[in-house]
Amino acid sequence: MPKSRIRKKADFTPPPAKQATNIKLTNRSWVAPVMLAFFLIGLAWIVVFYVTDGDLPIKALGNWNIVVGFGFIAGGFGVSTQWK
């Protein structure tokens, strides 16, 4: 039986370095502080609401204060999607 020829593939060569220098990185240093601030504000809002038996932070909202607190926390998760 005849022997098949051995084919040699060309070695991989990466593209020139010019393409790597065109990538622009954005400064996202604001993301972590804003995310943590939203988390802490939301947590504090809910804790203050429970500790004061609904008198604070905004008495007119009643139990909707919980929704506002969770809204801040959800905003923190929304901001966290920008973190790289």
PDB file of N, CA and C in Angstrom:
ATOM      1  N   MET A   1       0.841  -1.167   0.000  1.00  0.00           N
ATOM      2  CA  MET A   1       0.000   0.000   0.000  1.00  0.00           C
ATOM      3  C   MET A   1       0.890   1.235   0.000  1.00  0.00           C
ATOM      4  N   PRO A   2       0.571   2.205  -0.874  1.00  0.00           N
ATOM      5  CA  PRO A   2       1.411   3.406  -0.941  1.00  0.00           C
ATOM      6  C   PRO A   2       1.240   4.290   0.294  1.00  0.00           C
ATOM      7  N   LYS A   3       2.260   4.962   0.621  1.00  0.00           N
ATOM      8  CA  LYS A   3       2.271   5.859   1.768  1.00  0.00           C
ATOM      9  C   LYS A   3       1.741   7.222   1.345  1.00  0.00           C
ATOM     10  N   SER A   4       0.901   7.858   2.209  1.00  0.00           N
ATOM     11  CA  SER A   4       0.387   9.186   1.878  1.00  0.00           C
ATOM     12  C   SER A   4       1.440  10.237   2.195  1.00  0.00           C
ATOM     13  N   ARG A   5       1.328  11.338   1.474  1.00  0.00           N
ATOM     14  CA  ARG A   5       2.288  12.408   1.702  1.00  0.00           C
ATOM     15  C   ARG A   5       1.953  13.134   3.005  1.00  0.00           C
ATOM     16  N   ILE A   6       2.952  13.545   3.707  1.00  0.00           N
ATOM     17  CA  ILE A   6       2.769  14.313   4.934  1.00  0.00           C
ATOM     18  C   ILE A   6       2.705  15.787   4.544  1.00  0.00           C
ATOM     19  N   ARG A   7       1.603  16.407   4.929  1.00  0.00           N
ATOM     20  CA  ARG A   7       1.450  17.831   4.621  1.00  0.00           C
ATOM     21  C   ARG A   7       1.850  18.653   5.829  1.00  0.00           C
ATOM     22  N   LYS A   8       2.596  19.664   5.591  1.00  0.00           N
ATOM     23  CA  LYS A   8       3.002  20.542   6.675  1.00  0.00           C
ATOM     24  C   LYS A   8       2.242  21.847   6.544  1.00  0.00           C
ATOM     25  N   LYS A   9       1.513  22.210   7.618  1.00  0.00           N
ATOM     26  CA  LYS A   9       0.806  23.481   7.623  1.00  0.00           C
ATOM     27  C   LYS A   9       1.775  24.592   7.997  1.00  0.00           C
ATOM     28  N   ALA A  10       1.456  25.762   7.491  1.00  0.00           N
ATOM     29  CA  ALA A  10       2.278  26.917   7.848  1.00  0.00           C
ATOM     30  C   ALA A  10       2.017  27.282   9.304  1.00  0.00           C
ATOM     31  N   ASP A  11       3.065  27.676   9.990  1.00  0.00           N
ATOM     32  CA  ASP A  11       2.920  28.088  11.386  1.00  0.00           C
ATOM     33  C   ASP A  11       2.089  29.366  11.463  1.00  0.00           C
ATOM     34  N   PHE A  12       1.336  29.483  12.566  1.00  0.00           N
ATOM     35  CA  PHE A  12       0.497  30.662  12.762  1.00  0.00           C
ATOM     36  C   PHE A  12       1.370  31.865  13.077  1.00  0.00           C
ATOM     37  N   THR A  13       1.127  32.925  12.368  1.00  0.00           N
ATOM     38  CA  THR A  13       1.808  34.174  12.673  1.00  0.00           C
ATOM     39  C   THR A  13       0.747  35.203  13.056  1.00  0.00           C
ATOM     40  N   PRO A  14       0.894  35.820  14.207  1.00  0.00           N
ATOM     41  CA  PRO A  14      -0.110  36.790  14.632  1.00  0.00           C
ATOM     42  C   PRO A  14      -0.116  38.014  13.720  1.00  0.00           C
ATOM     43  N   PRO A  15      -1.238  38.707  13.664  1.00  0.00           N
ATOM     44  CA  PRO A  15      -1.296  39.902  12.826  1.00  0.00           C
ATOM     45  C   PRO A  15      -0.337  40.970  13.344  1.00  0.00           C
ATOM     46  N   PRO A  16      -0.014  41.920  12.513  1.00  0.00           N
ATOM     47  CA  PRO A  16       0.934  42.954  12.939  1.00  0.00           C
ATOM     48  C   PRO A  16       0.422  43.708  14.167  1.00  0.00           C
ATOM     49  N   ALA A  17       1.342  44.307  14.898  1.00  0.00           N
ATOM     50  CA  ALA A  17       1.014  44.992  16.151  1.00  0.00           C
ATOM     51  C   ALA A  17       0.227  46.275  15.928  1.00  0.00           C
ATOM     52  N   LYS A  18       0.092  46.738  14.707  1.00  0.00           N
ATOM     53  CA  LYS A  18      -0.638  47.974  14.435  1.00  0.00           C
ATOM     54  C   LYS A  18      -2.090  47.874  14.876  1.00  0.00           C
ATOM     55  N   GLN A  19      -2.718  46.720  14.720  1.00  0.00           N
ATOM     56  CA  GLN A  19      -4.119  46.561  15.091  1.00  0.00           C
ATOM     57  C   GLN A  19      -4.303  46.627  16.605  1.00  0.00           C
ATOM     58  N   ALA A  20      -3.341  46.170  17.359  1.00  0.00           N
ATOM     59  CA  ALA A  20      -3.458  46.190  18.811  1.00  0.00           C
ATOM     60  C   ALA A  20      -3.401  47.609  19.361  1.00  0.00           C
ATOM     61  N   THR A  21      -2.712  48.499  18.680  1.00  0.00           N
ATOM     62  CA  THR A  21      -2.596  49.862  19.186  1.00  0.00           C
ATOM     63  C   THR A  21      -3.837  50.697  18.865  1.00  0.00           C
ATOM     64  N   ASN A  22      -4.707  50.235  17.975  1.00  0.00           N
ATOM     65  CA  ASN A  22      -5.899  50.994  17.622  1.00  0.00           C
ATOM     66  C   ASN A  22      -7.018  50.838  18.645  1.00  0.00           C
ATOM     67  N   ILE A  23      -6.894  49.902  19.570  1.00  0.00           N
ATOM     68  CA  ILE A  23      -7.933  49.668  20.567  1.00  0.00           C
ATOM     69  C   ILE A  23      -7.864  50.784  21.607  1.00  0.00           C
ATOM     70  N   LYS A  24      -8.994  51.471  21.794  1.00  0.00           N
ATOM     71  CA  LYS A  24      -9.044  52.548  22.779  1.00  0.00           C
ATOM     72  C   LYS A  24      -9.789  52.044  24.005  1.00  0.00           C
ATOM     73  N   LEU A  25      -9.167  52.172  25.161  1.00  0.00           N
ATOM     74  CA  LEU A  25      -9.791  51.766  26.405  1.00  0.00           C
ATOM     75  C   LEU A  25     -10.415  52.988  27.063  1.00  0.00           C
ATOM     76  N   THR A  26     -11.620  52.814  27.567  1.00  0.00           N
ATOM     77  CA  THR A  26     -12.275  53.924  28.240  1.00  0.00           C
ATOM     78  C   THR A  26     -11.987  53.858  29.725  1.00  0.00           C
ATOM     79  N   ASN A  27     -12.013  54.999  30.356  1.00  0.00           N
ATOM     80  CA  ASN A  27     -11.753  55.068  31.784  1.00  0.00           C
ATOM     81  C   ASN A  27     -13.050  54.799  32.532  1.00  0.00           C
ATOM     82  N   ARG A  28     -13.119  53.702  33.229  1.00  0.00           N
ATOM     83  CA  ARG A  28     -14.328  53.305  33.949  1.00  0.00           C
ATOM     84  C   ARG A  28     -14.099  53.337  35.454  1.00  0.00           C
ATOM     85  N   SER A  29     -13.292  54.256  35.928  1.00  0.00           N
ATOM     86  CA  SER A  29     -12.998  54.313  37.357  1.00  0.00           C
ATOM     87  C   SER A  29     -14.191  54.807  38.169  1.00  0.00           C
ATOM     88  N   TRP A  30     -15.187  55.374  37.532  1.00  0.00           N
ATOM     89  CA  TRP A  30     -16.374  55.881  38.227  1.00  0.00           C
ATOM     90  C   TRP A  30     -17.355  54.771  38.578  1.00  0.00           C
ATOM     91  N   VAL A  31     -17.246  53.620  37.947  1.00  0.00           N
ATOM     92  CA  VAL A  31     -18.265  52.579  38.077  1.00  0.00           C
ATOM     93  C   VAL A  31     -18.334  52.017  39.493  1.00  0.00           C
ATOM     94  N   ALA A  32     -17.208  51.639  40.057  1.00  0.00           N
ATOM     95  CA  ALA A  32     -17.216  51.005  41.380  1.00  0.00           C
ATOM     96  C   ALA A  32     -17.763  51.933  42.468  1.00  0.00           C
ATOM     97  N   PRO A  33     -17.330  53.197  42.544  1.00  0.00           N
ATOM     98  CA  PRO A  33     -17.893  54.061  43.585  1.00  0.00           C
ATOM     99  C   PRO A  33     -19.392  54.320  43.422  1.00  0.00           C
ATOM    100  N   VAL A  34     -19.847  54.508  42.190  1.00  0.00           N
ATOM    101  CA  VAL A  34     -21.275  54.760  41.961  1.00  0.00           C
ATOM    102  C   VAL A  34     -22.089  53.514  42.293  1.00  0.00           C
ATOM    103  N   MET A  35     -21.591  52.355  41.903  1.00  0.00           N
ATOM    104  CA  MET A  35     -22.291  51.099  42.196  1.00  0.00           C
ATOM    105  C   MET A  35     -22.417  50.900  43.715  1.00  0.00           C
ATOM    106  N   LEU A  36     -21.324  51.068  44.428  1.00  0.00           N
ATOM    107  CA  LEU A  36     -21.369  50.907  45.878  1.00  0.00           C
ATOM    108  C   LEU A  36     -22.257  51.950  46.533  1.00  0.00           C
ATOM    109  N   ALA A  37     -22.246  53.171  46.006  1.00  0.00           N
ATOM    110  CA  ALA A  37     -23.107  54.218  46.560  1.00  0.00           C
ATOM    111  C   ALA A  37     -24.575  53.844  46.394  1.00  0.00           C
ATOM    112  N   PHE A  38     -24.960  53.355  45.216  1.00  0.00           N
ATOM    113  CA  PHE A  38     -26.348  52.929  45.000  1.00  0.00           C
ATOM    114  C   PHE A  38     -26.734  51.795  45.948  1.00  0.00           C
ATOM    115  N   PHE A  39     -25.847  50.821  46.111  1.00  0.00           N
ATOM    116  CA  PHE A  39     -26.126  49.713  47.016  1.00  0.00           C
ATOM    117  C   PHE A  39     -26.334  50.205  48.452  1.00  0.00           C
ATOM    118  N   LEU A  40     -25.430  51.069  48.906  1.00  0.00           N
ATOM    119  CA  LEU A  40     -25.504  51.541  50.283  1.00  0.00           C
ATOM    120  C   LEU A  40     -26.699  52.461  50.514  1.00  0.00           C
ATOM    121  N   ILE A  41     -27.020  53.318  49.547  1.00  0.00           N
ATOM    122  CA  ILE A  41     -28.188  54.191  49.689  1.00  0.00           C
ATOM    123  C   ILE A  41     -29.457  53.358  49.753  1.00  0.00           C
ATOM    124  N   GLY A  42     -29.570  52.360  48.889  1.00  0.00           N
ATOM    125  CA  GLY A  42     -30.748  51.492  48.900  1.00  0.00           C
ATOM    126  C   GLY A  42     -30.878  50.731  50.202  1.00  0.00           C
ATOM    127  N   LEU A  43     -29.765  50.195  50.690  1.00  0.00           N
ATOM    128  CA  LEU A  43     -29.792  49.459  51.950  1.00  0.00           C
ATOM    129  C   LEU A  43     -30.155  50.380  53.108  1.00  0.00           C
ATOM    130  N   ALA A  44     -29.540  51.556  53.132  1.00  0.00           N
ATOM    131  CA  ALA A  44     -29.824  52.507  54.209  1.00  0.00           C
ATOM    132  C   ALA A  44     -31.287  52.955  54.164  1.00  0.00           C
ATOM    133  N   TRP A  45     -31.822  53.158  52.960  1.00  0.00           N
ATOM    134  CA  TRP A  45     -33.223  53.573  52.813  1.00  0.00           C
ATOM    135  C   TRP A  45     -34.166  52.543  53.445  1.00  0.00           C
ATOM    136  N   ILE A  46     -33.928  51.285  53.142  1.00  0.00           N
ATOM    137  CA  ILE A  46     -34.783  50.220  53.669  1.00  0.00           C
ATOM    138  C   ILE A  46     -34.606  50.072  55.178  1.00  0.00           C
ATOM    139  N   VAL A  47     -33.368  50.133  55.662  1.00  0.00           N
ATOM    140  CA  VAL A  47     -33.117  49.990  57.096  1.00  0.00           C
ATOM    141  C   VAL A  47     -33.758  51.141  57.869  1.00  0.00           C
ATOM    142  N   VAL A  48     -33.602  52.372  57.377  1.00  0.00           N
ATOM    143  CA  VAL A  48     -34.204  53.522  58.052  1.00  0.00           C
ATOM    144  C   VAL A  48     -35.722  53.396  58.068  1.00  0.00           C
ATOM    145  N   PHE A  49     -36.297  52.916  56.986  1.00  0.00           N
ATOM    146  CA  PHE A  49     -37.748  52.738  56.925  1.00  0.00           C
ATOM    147  C   PHE A  49     -38.222  51.761  58.004  1.00  0.00           C
ATOM    148  N   TYR A  50     -37.518  50.650  58.156  1.00  0.00           N
ATOM    149  CA  TYR A  50     -37.929  49.657  59.150  1.00  0.00           C
ATOM    150  C   TYR A  50     -37.659  50.120  60.584  1.00  0.00           C
ATOM    151  N   VAL A  51     -36.530  50.779  60.807  1.00  0.00           N
ATOM    152  CA  VAL A  51     -36.167  51.194  62.158  1.00  0.00           C
ATOM    153  C   VAL A  51     -37.127  52.276  62.673  1.00  0.00           C
ATOM    154  N   THR A  52     -37.573  53.165  61.794  1.00  0.00           N
ATOM    155  CA  THR A  52     -38.457  54.260  62.224  1.00  0.00           C
ATOM    156  C   THR A  52     -39.928  53.896  62.104  1.00  0.00           C
ATOM    157  N   ASP A  53     -40.245  52.665  61.871  1.00  0.00           N
ATOM    158  CA  ASP A  53     -41.627  52.187  61.728  1.00  0.00           C
ATOM    159  C   ASP A  53     -42.400  52.943  60.646  1.00  0.00           C
ATOM    160  N   GLY A  54     -41.727  53.302  59.564  1.00  0.00           N
ATOM    161  CA  GLY A  54     -42.393  53.924  58.424  1.00  0.00           C
ATOM    162  C   GLY A  54     -42.480  55.424  58.477  1.00  0.00           C
ATOM    163  N   ASP A  55     -41.910  56.078  59.502  1.00  0.00           N
ATOM    164  CA  ASP A  55     -41.957  57.546  59.581  1.00  0.00           C
ATOM    165  C   ASP A  55     -40.932  58.206  58.679  1.00  0.00           C
ATOM    166  N   LEU A  56     -39.816  57.569  58.461  1.00  0.00           N
ATOM    167  CA  LEU A  56     -38.768  58.107  57.598  1.00  0.00           C
ATOM    168  C   LEU A  56     -38.461  57.083  56.522  1.00  0.00           C
ATOM    169  N   PRO A  57     -37.845  57.341  55.471  1.00  0.00           N
ATOM    170  CA  PRO A  57     -37.353  58.590  54.911  1.00  0.00           C
ATOM    171  C   PRO A  57     -38.481  59.470  54.364  1.00  0.00           C
ATOM    172  N   ILE A  58     -39.495  58.927  53.733  1.00  0.00           N
ATOM    173  CA  ILE A  58     -40.619  59.739  53.248  1.00  0.00           C
ATOM    174  C   ILE A  58     -41.901  59.073  53.739  1.00  0.00           C
ATOM    175  N   LYS A  59     -42.563  59.718  54.701  1.00  0.00           N
ATOM    176  CA  LYS A  59     -43.732  59.111  55.328  1.00  0.00           C
ATOM    177  C   LYS A  59     -44.890  58.941  54.343  1.00  0.00           C
ATOM    178  N   ALA A  60     -45.034  59.870  53.404  1.00  0.00           N
ATOM    179  CA  ALA A  60     -46.156  59.833  52.467  1.00  0.00           C
ATOM    180  C   ALA A  60     -46.111  58.615  51.542  1.00  0.00           C
ATOM    181  N   LEU A  61     -44.938  58.065  51.332  1.00  0.00           N
ATOM    182  CA  LEU A  61     -44.829  56.903  50.438  1.00  0.00           C
ATOM    183  C   LEU A  61     -45.300  55.618  51.098  1.00  0.00           C
ATOM    184  N   GLY A  62     -45.265  55.568  52.399  1.00  0.00           N
ATOM    185  CA  GLY A  62     -45.683  54.352  53.091  1.00  0.00           C
ATOM    186  C   GLY A  62     -44.779  53.183  52.745  1.00  0.00           C
ATOM    187  N   ASN A  63     -45.401  52.058  52.396  1.00  0.00           N
ATOM    188  CA  ASN A  63     -44.616  50.856  52.076  1.00  0.00           C
ATOM    189  C   ASN A  63     -43.894  50.955  50.734  1.00  0.00           C
ATOM    190  N   TRP A  64     -44.193  51.973  49.948  1.00  0.00           N
ATOM    191  CA  TRP A  64     -43.473  52.175  48.698  1.00  0.00           C
ATOM    192  C   TRP A  64     -42.016  52.561  48.938  1.00  0.00           C
ATOM    193  N   ASN A  65     -41.678  52.920  50.171  1.00  0.00           N
ATOM    194  CA  ASN A  65     -40.280  53.192  50.503  1.00  0.00           C
ATOM    195  C   ASN A  65     -39.412  51.962  50.263  1.00  0.00           C
ATOM    196  N   ILE A  66     -39.971  50.785  50.449  1.00  0.00           N
ATOM    197  CA  ILE A  66     -39.216  49.550  50.185  1.00  0.00           C
ATOM    198  C   ILE A  66     -38.893  49.453  48.695  1.00  0.00           C
ATOM    199  N   VAL A  67     -39.852  49.815  47.866  1.00  0.00           N
ATOM    200  CA  VAL A  67     -39.629  49.780  46.414  1.00  0.00           C
ATOM    201  C   VAL A  67     -38.546  50.782  46.027  1.00  0.00           C
ATOM    202  N   VAL A  68     -38.569  51.961  46.653  1.00  0.00           N
ATOM    203  CA  VAL A  68     -37.533  52.956  46.363  1.00  0.00           C
ATOM    204  C   VAL A  68     -36.159  52.416  46.750  1.00  0.00           C
ATOM    205  N   GLY A  69     -36.063  51.783  47.921  1.00  0.00           N
ATOM    206  CA  GLY A  69     -34.788  51.208  48.354  1.00  0.00           C
ATOM    207  C   GLY A  69     -34.293  50.132  47.402  1.00  0.00           C
ATOM    208  N   PHE A  70     -35.202  49.249  47.000  1.00  0.00           N
ATOM    209  CA  PHE A  70     -34.803  48.214  46.040  1.00  0.00           C
ATOM    210  C   PHE A  70     -34.516  48.806  44.666  1.00  0.00           C
ATOM    211  N   GLY A  71     -35.126  49.932  44.350  1.00  0.00           N
ATOM    212  CA  GLY A  71     -34.817  50.619  43.091  1.00  0.00           C
ATOM    213  C   GLY A  71     -33.376  51.102  43.066  1.00  0.00           C
ATOM    214  N   PHE A  72     -32.922  51.658  44.201  1.00  0.00           N
ATOM    215  CA  PHE A  72     -31.513  52.056  44.284  1.00  0.00           C
ATOM    216  C   PHE A  72     -30.603  50.847  44.148  1.00  0.00           C
ATOM    217  N   ILE A  73     -30.957  49.750  44.786  1.00  0.00           N
ATOM    218  CA  ILE A  73     -30.137  48.541  44.687  1.00  0.00           C
ATOM    219  C   ILE A  73     -30.125  48.017  43.251  1.00  0.00           C
ATOM    220  N   ALA A  74     -31.272  48.040  42.584  1.00  0.00           N
ATOM    221  CA  ALA A  74     -31.326  47.615  41.179  1.00  0.00           C
ATOM    222  C   ALA A  74     -30.493  48.544  40.310  1.00  0.00           C
ATOM    223  N   GLY A  75     -30.506  49.830  40.634  1.00  0.00           N
ATOM    224  CA  GLY A  75     -29.649  50.773  39.901  1.00  0.00           C
ATOM    225  C   GLY A  75     -28.178  50.435  40.074  1.00  0.00           C
ATOM    226  N   GLY A  76     -27.805  49.981  41.265  1.00  0.00           N
ATOM    227  CA  GLY A  76     -26.419  49.545  41.490  1.00  0.00           C
ATOM    228  C   GLY A  76     -26.055  48.356  40.630  1.00  0.00           C
ATOM    229  N   PHE A  77     -26.996  47.404  40.503  1.00  0.00           N
ATOM    230  CA  PHE A  77     -26.731  46.275  39.610  1.00  0.00           C
ATOM    231  C   PHE A  77     -26.668  46.722  38.155  1.00  0.00           C
ATOM    232  N   GLY A  78     -27.491  47.691  37.788  1.00  0.00           N
ATOM    233  CA  GLY A  78     -27.441  48.221  36.424  1.00  0.00           C
ATOM    234  C   GLY A  78     -26.110  48.881  36.122  1.00  0.00           C
ATOM    235  N   VAL A  79     -25.590  49.641  37.069  1.00  0.00           N
ATOM    236  CA  VAL A  79     -24.288  50.295  36.880  1.00  0.00           C
ATOM    237  C   VAL A  79     -23.176  49.252  36.839  1.00  0.00           C
ATOM    238  N   SER A  80     -23.345  48.161  37.583  1.00  0.00           N
ATOM    239  CA  SER A  80     -22.288  47.142  37.625  1.00  0.00           C
ATOM    240  C   SER A  80     -22.060  46.470  36.274  1.00  0.00           C
ATOM    241  N   THR A  81     -23.008  46.558  35.373  1.00  0.00           N
ATOM    242  CA  THR A  81     -22.798  45.968  34.046  1.00  0.00           C
ATOM    243  C   THR A  81     -21.767  46.738  33.235  1.00  0.00           C
ATOM    244  N   GLN A  82     -21.421  47.948  33.662  1.00  0.00           N
ATOM    245  CA  GLN A  82     -20.413  48.745  32.967  1.00  0.00           C
ATOM    246  C   GLN A  82     -18.988  48.483  33.454  1.00  0.00           C
ATOM    247  N   TRP A  83     -18.868  47.667  34.491  1.00  0.00           N
ATOM    248  CA  TRP A  83     -17.570  47.403  35.090  1.00  0.00           C
ATOM    249  C   TRP A  83     -16.777  46.456  34.216  1.00  0.00           C
ATOM    250  N   LYS A  84     -15.516  46.786  33.945  1.00  0.00           N
ATOM    251  CA  LYS A  84     -14.641  45.902  33.152  1.00  0.00           C
ATOM    252  C   LYS A  84     -13.393  45.576  33.912  1.00  0.00           C
TER     253      LYS A  84
END
